[in-house]
Amino acid sequence: MIHVHALLEIAPGRVDEYLPIHQALIPQILREEGCVEYLLAVDTSTSVDMQQLAGPEVVSVIEKWQSASAFESHLNAPHVVAFRQRVEGLLLNATAYILEPV
């Protein structure tokens, strides 16, 4: 199993426009072979000293996949390719941290 933490940088002031588009895609992603978990998250302020905020224009994607190949297939799924085209101009940058539990 792998865990993926993706940080998505959204165009300034457009997170509220971006989120419903991405949220609408989640049911399809959850039906993909090998998808264990997939959710979106944004910063929340706490009193935890070691907390760092990603920023108001950053959406985190927290994912679990049965394998790296399942995640790679996800990235090339037709609905994901269409999604990337739809959010062009809203999604400025994406960084993925792909992790293996120990």
C-alpha atoms as a PDB file:
ATOM      1  CA  MET A   1       0.000   0.000   0.000  1.00  0.00           C
ATOM      2  CA  ILE A   2       1.107   3.554  -0.652  1.00  0.00           C
ATOM      3  CA  HIS A   3      -0.062   6.841   0.782  1.00  0.00           C
ATOM      4  CA  VAL A   4      -0.101   9.987  -1.317  1.00  0.00           C
ATOM      5  CA  HIS A   5      -0.189  13.521   0.029  1.00  0.00           C
ATOM      6  CA  ALA A   6      -0.598  15.959  -2.832  1.00  0.00           C
ATOM      7  CA  LEU A   7      -0.443  19.720  -2.375  1.00  0.00           C
ATOM      8  CA  LEU A   8      -2.435  21.598  -5.003  1.00  0.00           C
ATOM      9  CA  GLU A   9      -1.742  25.287  -5.474  1.00  0.00           C
ATOM     10  CA  ILE A  10      -4.909  27.033  -6.628  1.00  0.00           C
ATOM     11  CA  ALA A  11      -5.100  30.423  -8.362  1.00  0.00           C
ATOM     12  CA  PRO A  12      -5.458  33.279  -5.843  1.00  0.00           C
ATOM     13  CA  GLY A  13      -9.032  33.778  -4.693  1.00  0.00           C
ATOM     14  CA  ARG A  14     -10.360  30.767  -6.636  1.00  0.00           C
ATOM     15  CA  VAL A  15     -10.348  27.910  -4.090  1.00  0.00           C
ATOM     16  CA  ASP A  16     -14.142  28.180  -3.657  1.00  0.00           C
ATOM     17  CA  GLU A  17     -14.519  27.758  -7.424  1.00  0.00           C
ATOM     18  CA  TYR A  18     -12.056  24.858  -7.574  1.00  0.00           C
ATOM     19  CA  LEU A  19     -13.309  22.714  -4.670  1.00  0.00           C
ATOM     20  CA  PRO A  20     -16.771  21.747  -6.033  1.00  0.00           C
ATOM     21  CA  ILE A  21     -15.212  20.675  -9.331  1.00  0.00           C
ATOM     22  CA  HIS A  22     -12.729  18.394  -7.562  1.00  0.00           C
ATOM     23  CA  GLN A  23     -15.285  17.137  -5.028  1.00  0.00           C
ATOM     24  CA  ALA A  24     -17.580  16.058  -7.884  1.00  0.00           C
ATOM     25  CA  LEU A  25     -14.800  13.772  -9.159  1.00  0.00           C
ATOM     26  CA  ILE A  26     -14.287  11.896  -5.867  1.00  0.00           C
ATOM     27  CA  PRO A  27     -17.027   9.241  -6.333  1.00  0.00           C
ATOM     28  CA  GLN A  28     -15.444   8.166  -9.640  1.00  0.00           C
ATOM     29  CA  ILE A  29     -11.996   8.025  -8.071  1.00  0.00           C
ATOM     30  CA  LEU A  30     -13.231   5.926  -5.148  1.00  0.00           C
ATOM     31  CA  ARG A  31     -14.556   3.372  -7.673  1.00  0.00           C
ATOM     32  CA  GLU A  32     -11.149   3.030  -9.346  1.00  0.00           C
ATOM     33  CA  GLU A  33      -9.384  -0.291  -8.918  1.00  0.00           C
ATOM     34  CA  GLY A  34      -6.874  -0.034  -6.090  1.00  0.00           C
ATOM     35  CA  CYS A  35      -8.260   3.127  -4.467  1.00  0.00           C
ATOM     36  CA  VAL A  36      -8.541   2.700  -0.704  1.00  0.00           C
ATOM     37  CA  GLU A  37      -9.135   6.290   0.390  1.00  0.00           C
ATOM     38  CA  TYR A  38      -9.305   9.721  -1.251  1.00  0.00           C
ATOM     39  CA  LEU A  39     -10.167  13.011   0.421  1.00  0.00           C
ATOM     40  CA  LEU A  40      -9.590  16.735   0.131  1.00  0.00           C
ATOM     41  CA  ALA A  41      -8.495  18.928   3.026  1.00  0.00           C
ATOM     42  CA  VAL A  42      -7.559  22.546   3.689  1.00  0.00           C
ATOM     43  CA  ASP A  43      -5.657  24.209   6.514  1.00  0.00           C
ATOM     44  CA  THR A  44      -7.203  24.605   9.915  1.00  0.00           C
ATOM     45  CA  SER A  45      -5.551  26.712  12.585  1.00  0.00           C
ATOM     46  CA  THR A  46      -4.669  25.082  15.884  1.00  0.00           C
ATOM     47  CA  SER A  47      -2.490  25.876  18.876  1.00  0.00           C
ATOM     48  CA  VAL A  48      -0.017  23.099  17.972  1.00  0.00           C
ATOM     49  CA  ASP A  49       3.456  24.671  18.016  1.00  0.00           C
ATOM     50  CA  MET A  50       4.930  22.539  15.251  1.00  0.00           C
ATOM     51  CA  GLN A  51       2.052  23.189  12.828  1.00  0.00           C
ATOM     52  CA  GLN A  52       2.849  24.879   9.542  1.00  0.00           C
ATOM     53  CA  LEU A  53       0.027  26.143   7.383  1.00  0.00           C
ATOM     54  CA  ALA A  54       0.153  25.337   3.676  1.00  0.00           C
ATOM     55  CA  GLY A  55      -1.697  28.547   2.844  1.00  0.00           C
ATOM     56  CA  PRO A  56      -5.165  29.712   1.839  1.00  0.00           C
ATOM     57  CA  GLU A  57      -4.665  28.780  -1.815  1.00  0.00           C
ATOM     58  CA  VAL A  58      -3.519  25.204  -1.126  1.00  0.00           C
ATOM     59  CA  VAL A  59      -5.743  22.139  -1.186  1.00  0.00           C
ATOM     60  CA  SER A  60      -4.326  18.881   0.151  1.00  0.00           C
ATOM     61  CA  VAL A  61      -5.315  15.538  -1.306  1.00  0.00           C
ATOM     62  CA  ILE A  62      -4.874  12.597   1.067  1.00  0.00           C
ATOM     63  CA  GLU A  63      -4.926   9.263  -0.754  1.00  0.00           C
ATOM     64  CA  LYS A  64      -4.311   5.580  -0.114  1.00  0.00           C
ATOM     65  CA  TRP A  65      -3.736   3.147  -2.975  1.00  0.00           C
ATOM     66  CA  GLN A  66      -3.188  -0.595  -2.943  1.00  0.00           C
ATOM     67  CA  SER A  67      -0.076  -0.134  -5.098  1.00  0.00           C
ATOM     68  CA  ALA A  68       2.017   2.428  -6.934  1.00  0.00           C
ATOM     69  CA  SER A  69       0.774   1.010 -10.232  1.00  0.00           C
ATOM     70  CA  ALA A  70      -2.848   1.613  -9.156  1.00  0.00           C
ATOM     71  CA  PHE A  71      -1.956   5.242  -8.410  1.00  0.00           C
ATOM     72  CA  GLU A  72      -0.187   5.590 -11.751  1.00  0.00           C
ATOM     73  CA  SER A  73      -3.268   4.191 -13.522  1.00  0.00           C
ATOM     74  CA  HIS A  74      -5.401   6.709 -11.631  1.00  0.00           C
ATOM     75  CA  LEU A  75      -3.327   9.575 -13.001  1.00  0.00           C
ATOM     76  CA  ASN A  76      -4.080   8.410 -16.553  1.00  0.00           C
ATOM     77  CA  ALA A  77      -7.759   7.565 -16.066  1.00  0.00           C
ATOM     78  CA  PRO A  78      -9.949   9.362 -18.639  1.00  0.00           C
ATOM     79  CA  HIS A  79     -11.994  11.172 -15.964  1.00  0.00           C
ATOM     80  CA  VAL A  80      -8.791  12.436 -14.297  1.00  0.00           C
ATOM     81  CA  VAL A  81      -7.351  13.623 -17.629  1.00  0.00           C
ATOM     82  CA  ALA A  82     -10.640  15.438 -18.361  1.00  0.00           C
ATOM     83  CA  PHE A  83     -10.594  16.940 -14.856  1.00  0.00           C
ATOM     84  CA  ARG A  84      -7.083  18.354 -15.371  1.00  0.00           C
ATOM     85  CA  GLN A  85      -8.251  19.995 -18.588  1.00  0.00           C
ATOM     86  CA  ARG A  86     -11.305  21.420 -16.833  1.00  0.00           C
ATOM     87  CA  VAL A  87      -9.285  23.023 -14.013  1.00  0.00           C
ATOM     88  CA  GLU A  88      -6.565  24.426 -16.259  1.00  0.00           C
ATOM     89  CA  GLY A  89      -6.033  27.983 -15.087  1.00  0.00           C
ATOM     90  CA  LEU A  90      -7.421  27.188 -11.618  1.00  0.00           C
ATOM     91  CA  LEU A  91      -4.786  24.606 -10.663  1.00  0.00           C
ATOM     92  CA  LEU A  92      -1.388  26.298 -10.847  1.00  0.00           C
ATOM     93  CA  ASN A  93       0.889  23.597  -9.453  1.00  0.00           C
ATOM     94  CA  ALA A  94       0.717  20.116  -7.936  1.00  0.00           C
ATOM     95  CA  THR A  95       3.317  18.383  -5.779  1.00  0.00           C
ATOM     96  CA  ALA A  96       2.892  14.779  -4.652  1.00  0.00           C
ATOM     97  CA  TYR A  97       4.572  13.053  -1.737  1.00  0.00           C
ATOM     98  CA  ILE A  98       4.309   9.313  -2.309  1.00  0.00           C
ATOM     99  CA  LEU A  99       4.907   7.385   0.896  1.00  0.00           C
ATOM    100  CA  GLU A 100       5.169   3.770   1.971  1.00  0.00           C
ATOM    101  CA  PRO A 101       4.109   2.835   5.509  1.00  0.00           C
ATOM    102  CA  VAL A 102       6.858   1.355   7.681  1.00  0.00           C
END
